[in-house]
């Protein structure tokens, strides 16, 4: 039996495991699709673990932990996170 790494062991308990992956990784994203994916995430028992993993690892695609790529990026790099260079 293959063992999962502890970091993503939570994934087997995710509400998304029974969903079509295209819901979370669409070829063309729409507001409707995003809302449907986020609704699955909203009832997920491992939402916090999934979100923390995606933000920490910088997942470049898909909806993870109820957040889009842009939402995750905004958490990692909030407005004003860079200070102007001394000059």
PDB file of N, CA and C in Angstrom:
ATOM      1  N   UNK A   1       0.839  -1.181   0.000  1.00  0.00           N
ATOM      2  CA  UNK A   1       0.000   0.000   0.000  1.00  0.00           C
ATOM      3  C   UNK A   1       0.885   1.246   0.000  1.00  0.00           C
ATOM      4  N   UNK A   2       0.566   2.179  -0.862  1.00  0.00           N
ATOM      5  CA  UNK A   2       1.333   3.411  -0.983  1.00  0.00           C
ATOM      6  C   UNK A   2       0.934   4.385   0.120  1.00  0.00           C
ATOM      7  N   UNK A   3       1.903   4.975   0.763  1.00  0.00           N
ATOM      8  CA  UNK A   3       1.625   5.946   1.823  1.00  0.00           C
ATOM      9  C   UNK A   3       1.630   7.356   1.249  1.00  0.00           C
ATOM     10  N   UNK A   4       0.702   8.169   1.712  1.00  0.00           N
ATOM     11  CA  UNK A   4       0.656   9.566   1.280  1.00  0.00           C
ATOM     12  C   UNK A   4       1.593  10.373   2.162  1.00  0.00           C
ATOM     13  N   UNK A   5       2.127  11.418   1.604  1.00  0.00           N
ATOM     14  CA  UNK A   5       2.948  12.297   2.426  1.00  0.00           C
ATOM     15  C   UNK A   5       2.052  12.954   3.455  1.00  0.00           C
ATOM     16  N   UNK A   6       2.554  13.167   4.659  1.00  0.00           N
ATOM     17  CA  UNK A   6       1.717  13.758   5.703  1.00  0.00           C
ATOM     18  C   UNK A   6       1.144  15.119   5.317  1.00  0.00           C
ATOM     19  N   UNK A   7       1.855  15.869   4.497  1.00  0.00           N
ATOM     20  CA  UNK A   7       1.397  17.205   4.147  1.00  0.00           C
ATOM     21  C   UNK A   7       0.072  17.199   3.410  1.00  0.00           C
ATOM     22  N   UNK A   8      -0.166  16.206   2.571  1.00  0.00           N
ATOM     23  CA  UNK A   8      -1.436  16.185   1.851  1.00  0.00           C
ATOM     24  C   UNK A   8      -2.287  14.975   2.207  1.00  0.00           C
ATOM     25  N   UNK A   9      -2.018  14.335   3.320  1.00  0.00           N
ATOM     26  CA  UNK A   9      -2.825  13.210   3.772  1.00  0.00           C
ATOM     27  C   UNK A   9      -4.275  13.596   3.995  1.00  0.00           C
ATOM     28  N   UNK A  10      -4.519  14.855   4.279  1.00  0.00           N
ATOM     29  CA  UNK A  10      -5.875  15.362   4.480  1.00  0.00           C
ATOM     30  C   UNK A  10      -6.716  15.267   3.210  1.00  0.00           C
ATOM     31  N   UNK A  11      -6.075  15.223   2.058  1.00  0.00           N
ATOM     32  CA  UNK A  11      -6.791  15.278   0.778  1.00  0.00           C
ATOM     33  C   UNK A  11      -7.783  14.127   0.592  1.00  0.00           C
ATOM     34  N   UNK A  12      -7.508  12.982   1.177  1.00  0.00           N
ATOM     35  CA  UNK A  12      -8.420  11.842   1.017  1.00  0.00           C
ATOM     36  C   UNK A  12      -9.753  12.068   1.728  1.00  0.00           C
ATOM     37  N   UNK A  13      -9.818  13.074   2.600  1.00  0.00           N
ATOM     38  CA  UNK A  13     -11.061  13.398   3.305  1.00  0.00           C
ATOM     39  C   UNK A  13     -11.765  14.601   2.688  1.00  0.00           C
ATOM     40  N   UNK A  14     -11.231  15.129   1.589  1.00  0.00           N
ATOM     41  CA  UNK A  14     -11.790  16.328   0.962  1.00  0.00           C
ATOM     42  C   UNK A  14     -13.135  16.082   0.314  1.00  0.00           C
ATOM     43  N   UNK A  15     -14.020  17.065   0.414  1.00  0.00           N
ATOM     44  CA  UNK A  15     -15.342  16.981  -0.224  1.00  0.00           C
ATOM     45  C   UNK A  15     -15.208  16.905  -1.742  1.00  0.00           C
ATOM     46  N   UNK A  16     -14.105  17.382  -2.274  1.00  0.00           N
ATOM     47  CA  UNK A  16     -13.911  17.413  -3.729  1.00  0.00           C
ATOM     48  C   UNK A  16     -13.552  16.050  -4.317  1.00  0.00           C
ATOM     49  N   UNK A  17     -13.186  15.106  -3.498  1.00  0.00           N
ATOM     50  CA  UNK A  17     -12.701  13.820  -4.022  1.00  0.00           C
ATOM     51  C   UNK A  17     -13.745  13.085  -4.867  1.00  0.00           C
ATOM     52  N   UNK A  18     -15.023  13.400  -4.657  1.00  0.00           N
ATOM     53  CA  UNK A  18     -16.086  12.752  -5.435  1.00  0.00           C
ATOM     54  C   UNK A  18     -16.561  13.632  -6.593  1.00  0.00           C
ATOM     55  N   UNK A  19     -15.923  14.772  -6.774  1.00  0.00           N
ATOM     56  CA  UNK A  19     -16.318  15.712  -7.835  1.00  0.00           C
ATOM     57  C   UNK A  19     -15.437  15.556  -9.061  1.00  0.00           C
ATOM     58  N   UNK A  20     -15.932  16.044 -10.175  1.00  0.00           N
ATOM     59  CA  UNK A  20     -15.162  16.079 -11.407  1.00  0.00           C
ATOM     60  C   UNK A  20     -14.027  17.084 -11.233  1.00  0.00           C
ATOM     61  N   UNK A  21     -12.774  16.692 -11.444  1.00  0.00           N
ATOM     62  CA  UNK A  21     -11.649  17.622 -11.279  1.00  0.00           C
ATOM     63  C   UNK A  21     -11.777  18.884 -12.121  1.00  0.00           C
ATOM     64  N   UNK A  22     -12.489  18.799 -13.247  1.00  0.00           N
ATOM     65  CA  UNK A  22     -12.645  19.972 -14.107  1.00  0.00           C
ATOM     66  C   UNK A  22     -13.420  21.095 -13.407  1.00  0.00           C
ATOM     67  N   UNK A  23     -14.188  20.745 -12.388  1.00  0.00           N
ATOM     68  CA  UNK A  23     -14.884  21.769 -11.625  1.00  0.00           C
ATOM     69  C   UNK A  23     -13.884  22.699 -10.939  1.00  0.00           C
ATOM     70  N   UNK A  24     -12.783  22.141 -10.484  1.00  0.00           N
ATOM     71  CA  UNK A  24     -11.771  22.903  -9.761  1.00  0.00           C
ATOM     72  C   UNK A  24     -10.623  23.370 -10.656  1.00  0.00           C
ATOM     73  N   UNK A  25     -10.475  22.741 -11.797  1.00  0.00           N
ATOM     74  CA  UNK A  25      -9.420  23.070 -12.759  1.00  0.00           C
ATOM     75  C   UNK A  25     -10.018  23.176 -14.157  1.00  0.00           C
ATOM     76  N   UNK A  26     -10.893  24.178 -14.375  1.00  0.00           N
ATOM     77  CA  UNK A  26     -11.582  24.287 -15.667  1.00  0.00           C
ATOM     78  C   UNK A  26     -10.663  24.816 -16.765  1.00  0.00           C
ATOM     79  N   UNK A  27     -10.981  24.436 -17.986  1.00  0.00           N
ATOM     80  CA  UNK A  27     -10.240  24.982 -19.118  1.00  0.00           C
ATOM     81  C   UNK A  27     -10.583  26.458 -19.294  1.00  0.00           C
ATOM     82  N   UNK A  28     -11.864  26.792 -19.091  1.00  0.00           N
ATOM     83  CA  UNK A  28     -12.313  28.175 -19.153  1.00  0.00           C
ATOM     84  C   UNK A  28     -13.113  28.460 -17.894  1.00  0.00           C
ATOM     85  N   UNK A  29     -12.615  29.346 -17.078  1.00  0.00           N
ATOM     86  CA  UNK A  29     -13.278  29.635 -15.811  1.00  0.00           C
ATOM     87  C   UNK A  29     -14.435  30.597 -16.013  1.00  0.00           C
ATOM     88  N   UNK A  30     -15.520  30.372 -15.261  1.00  0.00           N
ATOM     89  CA  UNK A  30     -16.674  31.269 -15.287  1.00  0.00           C
ATOM     90  C   UNK A  30     -17.110  31.513 -13.846  1.00  0.00           C
ATOM     91  N   UNK A  31     -17.897  32.552 -13.654  1.00  0.00           N
ATOM     92  CA  UNK A  31     -18.396  32.865 -12.318  1.00  0.00           C
ATOM     93  C   UNK A  31     -19.267  31.729 -11.779  1.00  0.00           C
ATOM     94  N   UNK A  32     -20.057  31.119 -12.660  1.00  0.00           N
ATOM     95  CA  UNK A  32     -20.921  30.006 -12.249  1.00  0.00           C
ATOM     96  C   UNK A  32     -20.090  28.808 -11.794  1.00  0.00           C
ATOM     97  N   UNK A  33     -19.085  28.463 -12.571  1.00  0.00           N
ATOM     98  CA  UNK A  33     -18.219  27.337 -12.231  1.00  0.00           C
ATOM     99  C   UNK A  33     -17.493  27.616 -10.917  1.00  0.00           C
ATOM    100  N   UNK A  34     -16.982  28.826 -10.768  1.00  0.00           N
ATOM    101  CA  UNK A  34     -16.275  29.203  -9.541  1.00  0.00           C
ATOM    102  C   UNK A  34     -17.195  29.077  -8.326  1.00  0.00           C
ATOM    103  N   UNK A  35     -18.423  29.537  -8.458  1.00  0.00           N
ATOM    104  CA  UNK A  35     -19.392  29.450  -7.356  1.00  0.00           C
ATOM    105  C   UNK A  35     -19.696  27.993  -7.003  1.00  0.00           C
ATOM    106  N   UNK A  36     -19.834  27.141  -8.016  1.00  0.00           N
ATOM    107  CA  UNK A  36     -20.104  25.719  -7.762  1.00  0.00           C
ATOM    108  C   UNK A  36     -18.933  25.057  -7.042  1.00  0.00           C
ATOM    109  N   UNK A  37     -17.713  25.359  -7.465  1.00  0.00           N
ATOM    110  CA  UNK A  37     -16.535  24.785  -6.812  1.00  0.00           C
ATOM    111  C   UNK A  37     -16.433  25.277  -5.371  1.00  0.00           C
ATOM    112  N   UNK A  38     -16.656  26.559  -5.176  1.00  0.00           N
ATOM    113  CA  UNK A  38     -16.578  27.120  -3.823  1.00  0.00           C
ATOM    114  C   UNK A  38     -17.666  26.554  -2.912  1.00  0.00           C
ATOM    115  N   UNK A  39     -18.820  26.201  -3.472  1.00  0.00           N
ATOM    116  CA  UNK A  39     -19.890  25.587  -2.678  1.00  0.00           C
ATOM    117  C   UNK A  39     -19.456  24.216  -2.163  1.00  0.00           C
ATOM    118  N   UNK A  40     -18.735  23.461  -2.986  1.00  0.00           N
ATOM    119  CA  UNK A  40     -18.198  22.168  -2.544  1.00  0.00           C
ATOM    120  C   UNK A  40     -17.193  22.413  -1.420  1.00  0.00           C
ATOM    121  N   UNK A  41     -16.319  23.381  -1.610  1.00  0.00           N
ATOM    122  CA  UNK A  41     -15.308  23.691  -0.599  1.00  0.00           C
ATOM    123  C   UNK A  41     -15.952  24.131   0.723  1.00  0.00           C
ATOM    124  N   UNK A  42     -17.048  24.866   0.645  1.00  0.00           N
ATOM    125  CA  UNK A  42     -17.691  25.411   1.841  1.00  0.00           C
ATOM    126  C   UNK A  42     -18.160  24.324   2.803  1.00  0.00           C
ATOM    127  N   UNK A  43     -18.451  23.149   2.283  1.00  0.00           N
ATOM    128  CA  UNK A  43     -18.922  22.060   3.160  1.00  0.00           C
ATOM    129  C   UNK A  43     -17.823  21.023   3.427  1.00  0.00           C
ATOM    130  N   UNK A  44     -16.598  21.364   3.102  1.00  0.00           N
ATOM    131  CA  UNK A  44     -15.487  20.418   3.217  1.00  0.00           C
ATOM    132  C   UNK A  44     -14.902  20.364   4.626  1.00  0.00           C
ATOM    133  N   UNK A  45     -14.686  19.154   5.154  1.00  0.00           N
ATOM    134  CA  UNK A  45     -14.131  19.030   6.499  1.00  0.00           C
ATOM    135  C   UNK A  45     -12.639  19.383   6.582  1.00  0.00           C
ATOM    136  N   UNK A  46     -11.960  19.471   5.455  1.00  0.00           N
ATOM    137  CA  UNK A  46     -10.522  19.783   5.478  1.00  0.00           C
ATOM    138  C   UNK A  46     -10.218  21.110   4.773  1.00  0.00           C
ATOM    139  N   UNK A  47     -11.197  21.995   4.735  1.00  0.00           N
ATOM    140  CA  UNK A  47     -11.049  23.287   4.068  1.00  0.00           C
ATOM    141  C   UNK A  47      -9.795  24.029   4.546  1.00  0.00           C
ATOM    142  N   UNK A  48      -9.603  24.125   5.850  1.00  0.00           N
ATOM    143  CA  UNK A  48      -8.461  24.884   6.383  1.00  0.00           C
ATOM    144  C   UNK A  48      -7.133  24.265   5.967  1.00  0.00           C
ATOM    145  N   UNK A  49      -7.025  22.940   6.002  1.00  0.00           N
ATOM    146  CA  UNK A  49      -5.786  22.268   5.594  1.00  0.00           C
ATOM    147  C   UNK A  49      -5.505  22.490   4.114  1.00  0.00           C
ATOM    148  N   UNK A  50      -6.549  22.372   3.301  1.00  0.00           N
ATOM    149  CA  UNK A  50      -6.417  22.547   1.859  1.00  0.00           C
ATOM    150  C   UNK A  50      -5.978  23.973   1.539  1.00  0.00           C
ATOM    151  N   UNK A  51      -6.634  24.935   2.152  1.00  0.00           N
ATOM    152  CA  UNK A  51      -6.307  26.339   1.923  1.00  0.00           C
ATOM    153  C   UNK A  51      -4.876  26.642   2.358  1.00  0.00           C
ATOM    154  N   UNK A  52      -4.493  26.168   3.526  1.00  0.00           N
ATOM    155  CA  UNK A  52      -3.135  26.427   4.022  1.00  0.00           C
ATOM    156  C   UNK A  52      -2.094  25.817   3.093  1.00  0.00           C
ATOM    157  N   UNK A  53      -2.342  24.602   2.638  1.00  0.00           N
ATOM    158  CA  UNK A  53      -1.417  23.949   1.708  1.00  0.00           C
ATOM    159  C   UNK A  53      -1.269  24.759   0.426  1.00  0.00           C
ATOM    160  N   UNK A  54      -2.398  25.172  -0.160  1.00  0.00           N
ATOM    161  CA  UNK A  54      -2.375  25.883  -1.438  1.00  0.00           C
ATOM    162  C   UNK A  54      -1.676  27.232  -1.324  1.00  0.00           C
ATOM    163  N   UNK A  55      -1.920  27.943  -0.234  1.00  0.00           N
ATOM    164  CA  UNK A  55      -1.269  29.242  -0.047  1.00  0.00           C
ATOM    165  C   UNK A  55       0.227  29.043   0.200  1.00  0.00           C
ATOM    166  N   UNK A  56       0.567  28.110   1.073  1.00  0.00           N
ATOM    167  CA  UNK A  56       1.971  27.859   1.425  1.00  0.00           C
ATOM    168  C   UNK A  56       2.775  27.384   0.221  1.00  0.00           C
ATOM    169  N   UNK A  57       2.181  26.519  -0.596  1.00  0.00           N
ATOM    170  CA  UNK A  57       2.925  25.948  -1.717  1.00  0.00           C
ATOM    171  C   UNK A  57       2.848  26.806  -2.977  1.00  0.00           C
ATOM    172  N   UNK A  58       1.999  27.823  -2.961  1.00  0.00           N
ATOM    173  CA  UNK A  58       1.865  28.687  -4.133  1.00  0.00           C
ATOM    174  C   UNK A  58       1.238  27.972  -5.318  1.00  0.00           C
ATOM    175  N   UNK A  59       0.228  27.154  -5.049  1.00  0.00           N
ATOM    176  CA  UNK A  59      -0.448  26.426  -6.136  1.00  0.00           C
ATOM    177  C   UNK A  59      -0.798  27.394  -7.259  1.00  0.00           C
ATOM    178  N   UNK A  60      -0.327  27.141  -8.464  1.00  0.00           N
ATOM    179  CA  UNK A  60      -0.505  28.092  -9.564  1.00  0.00           C
ATOM    180  C   UNK A  60      -1.815  27.959 -10.337  1.00  0.00           C
ATOM    181  N   UNK A  61      -2.622  26.958 -10.031  1.00  0.00           N
ATOM    182  CA  UNK A  61      -3.849  26.724 -10.795  1.00  0.00           C
ATOM    183  C   UNK A  61      -4.959  26.237  -9.889  1.00  0.00           C
ATOM    184  N   UNK A  62      -6.175  26.398 -10.347  1.00  0.00           N
ATOM    185  CA  UNK A  62      -7.323  25.777  -9.704  1.00  0.00           C
ATOM    186  C   UNK A  62      -7.843  26.488  -8.472  1.00  0.00           C
ATOM    187  N   UNK A  63      -8.957  25.942  -7.996  1.00  0.00           N
ATOM    188  CA  UNK A  63      -9.572  26.411  -6.756  1.00  0.00           C
ATOM    189  C   UNK A  63      -9.193  25.412  -5.675  1.00  0.00           C
ATOM    190  N   UNK A  64      -8.559  25.918  -4.658  1.00  0.00           N
ATOM    191  CA  UNK A  64      -8.113  25.113  -3.517  1.00  0.00           C
ATOM    192  C   UNK A  64      -8.608  25.796  -2.247  1.00  0.00           C
ATOM    193  N   UNK A  65      -9.185  25.038  -1.342  1.00  0.00           N
ATOM    194  CA  UNK A  65      -9.628  25.614  -0.081  1.00  0.00           C
ATOM    195  C   UNK A  65     -10.614  26.751  -0.256  1.00  0.00           C
ATOM    196  N   UNK A  66     -11.373  26.714  -1.328  1.00  0.00           N
ATOM    197  CA  UNK A  66     -12.367  27.737  -1.582  1.00  0.00           C
ATOM    198  C   UNK A  66     -11.799  29.041  -2.115  1.00  0.00           C
ATOM    199  N   UNK A  67     -10.541  29.026  -2.535  1.00  0.00           N
ATOM    200  CA  UNK A  67      -9.900  30.244  -3.039  1.00  0.00           C
ATOM    201  C   UNK A  67      -9.406  30.058  -4.465  1.00  0.00           C
ATOM    202  N   UNK A  68      -9.567  31.103  -5.252  1.00  0.00           N
ATOM    203  CA  UNK A  68      -9.028  31.108  -6.612  1.00  0.00           C
ATOM    204  C   UNK A  68      -7.536  31.434  -6.562  1.00  0.00           C
ATOM    205  N   UNK A  69      -6.879  31.323  -7.697  1.00  0.00           N
ATOM    206  CA  UNK A  69      -5.452  31.667  -7.779  1.00  0.00           C
ATOM    207  C   UNK A  69      -5.233  33.105  -7.305  1.00  0.00           C
ATOM    208  N   UNK A  70      -6.043  34.026  -7.792  1.00  0.00           N
ATOM    209  CA  UNK A  70      -5.892  35.441  -7.410  1.00  0.00           C
ATOM    210  C   UNK A  70      -6.111  35.643  -5.913  1.00  0.00           C
ATOM    211  N   UNK A  71      -7.113  34.995  -5.356  1.00  0.00           N
ATOM    212  CA  UNK A  71      -7.385  35.137  -3.917  1.00  0.00           C
ATOM    213  C   UNK A  71      -6.231  34.596  -3.084  1.00  0.00           C
ATOM    214  N   UNK A  72      -5.653  33.479  -3.525  1.00  0.00           N
ATOM    215  CA  UNK A  72      -4.495  32.941  -2.802  1.00  0.00           C
ATOM    216  C   UNK A  72      -3.297  33.874  -2.923  1.00  0.00           C
ATOM    217  N   UNK A  73      -3.093  34.415  -4.113  1.00  0.00           N
ATOM    218  CA  UNK A  73      -1.980  35.342  -4.330  1.00  0.00           C
ATOM    219  C   UNK A  73      -2.140  36.575  -3.446  1.00  0.00           C
ATOM    220  N   UNK A  74      -3.371  37.069  -3.339  1.00  0.00           N
ATOM    221  CA  UNK A  74      -3.621  38.241  -2.497  1.00  0.00           C
ATOM    222  C   UNK A  74      -3.350  37.955  -1.022  1.00  0.00           C
ATOM    223  N   UNK A  75      -3.573  36.730  -0.585  1.00  0.00           N
ATOM    224  CA  UNK A  75      -3.239  36.369   0.794  1.00  0.00           C
ATOM    225  C   UNK A  75      -1.731  36.335   1.006  1.00  0.00           C
ATOM    226  N   UNK A  76      -1.029  35.833   0.011  1.00  0.00           N
ATOM    227  CA  UNK A  76       0.436  35.740   0.116  1.00  0.00           C
ATOM    228  C   UNK A  76       1.111  37.091  -0.035  1.00  0.00           C
ATOM    229  N   UNK A  77       0.565  37.927  -0.908  1.00  0.00           N
ATOM    230  CA  UNK A  77       1.171  39.217  -1.214  1.00  0.00           C
ATOM    231  C   UNK A  77       0.117  40.320  -1.147  1.00  0.00           C
ATOM    232  N   UNK A  78      -0.297  40.711   0.054  1.00  0.00           N
ATOM    233  CA  UNK A  78      -1.333  41.739   0.169  1.00  0.00           C
ATOM    234  C   UNK A  78      -0.853  43.080  -0.387  1.00  0.00           C
ATOM    235  N   UNK A  79      -1.796  43.918  -0.743  1.00  0.00           N
ATOM    236  CA  UNK A  79      -1.476  45.246  -1.248  1.00  0.00           C
ATOM    237  C   UNK A  79      -0.524  45.939  -0.290  1.00  0.00           C
ATOM    238  N   UNK A  80       0.523  46.520  -0.835  1.00  0.00           N
ATOM    239  CA  UNK A  80       1.495  47.247  -0.017  1.00  0.00           C
ATOM    240  C   UNK A  80       2.530  46.376   0.674  1.00  0.00           C
ATOM    241  N   UNK A  81       2.605  45.089   0.331  1.00  0.00           N
ATOM    242  CA  UNK A  81       3.560  44.208   1.012  1.00  0.00           C
ATOM    243  C   UNK A  81       4.993  44.581   0.706  1.00  0.00           C
ATOM    244  N   UNK A  82       5.214  45.206  -0.437  1.00  0.00           N
ATOM    245  CA  UNK A  82       6.571  45.659  -0.773  1.00  0.00           C
ATOM    246  C   UNK A  82       6.763  47.089  -0.315  1.00  0.00           C
ATOM    247  N   UNK A  83       7.886  47.314   0.291  1.00  0.00           N
ATOM    248  CA  UNK A  83       8.237  48.693   0.626  1.00  0.00           C
ATOM    249  C   UNK A  83       9.033  49.275  -0.519  1.00  0.00           C
ATOM    250  N   UNK A  84       8.872  50.541  -0.789  1.00  0.00           N
ATOM    251  CA  UNK A  84       9.664  51.148  -1.864  1.00  0.00           C
ATOM    252  C   UNK A  84      11.149  51.044  -1.550  1.00  0.00           C
ATOM    253  N   UNK A  85      11.928  50.875  -2.584  1.00  0.00           N
ATOM    254  CA  UNK A  85      13.383  50.798  -2.404  1.00  0.00           C
ATOM    255  C   UNK A  85      13.902  52.134  -1.898  1.00  0.00           C
ATOM    256  N   UNK A  86      14.861  52.023  -1.002  1.00  0.00           N
ATOM    257  CA  UNK A  86      15.483  53.248  -0.466  1.00  0.00           C
ATOM    258  C   UNK A  86      16.225  53.942  -1.590  1.00  0.00           C
ATOM    259  N   UNK A  87      16.118  55.202  -1.670  1.00  0.00           N
ATOM    260  CA  UNK A  87      16.790  55.857  -2.774  1.00  0.00           C
ATOM    261  C   UNK A  87      17.108  57.204  -2.472  1.00  0.00           C
TER     262      UNK A  87
END
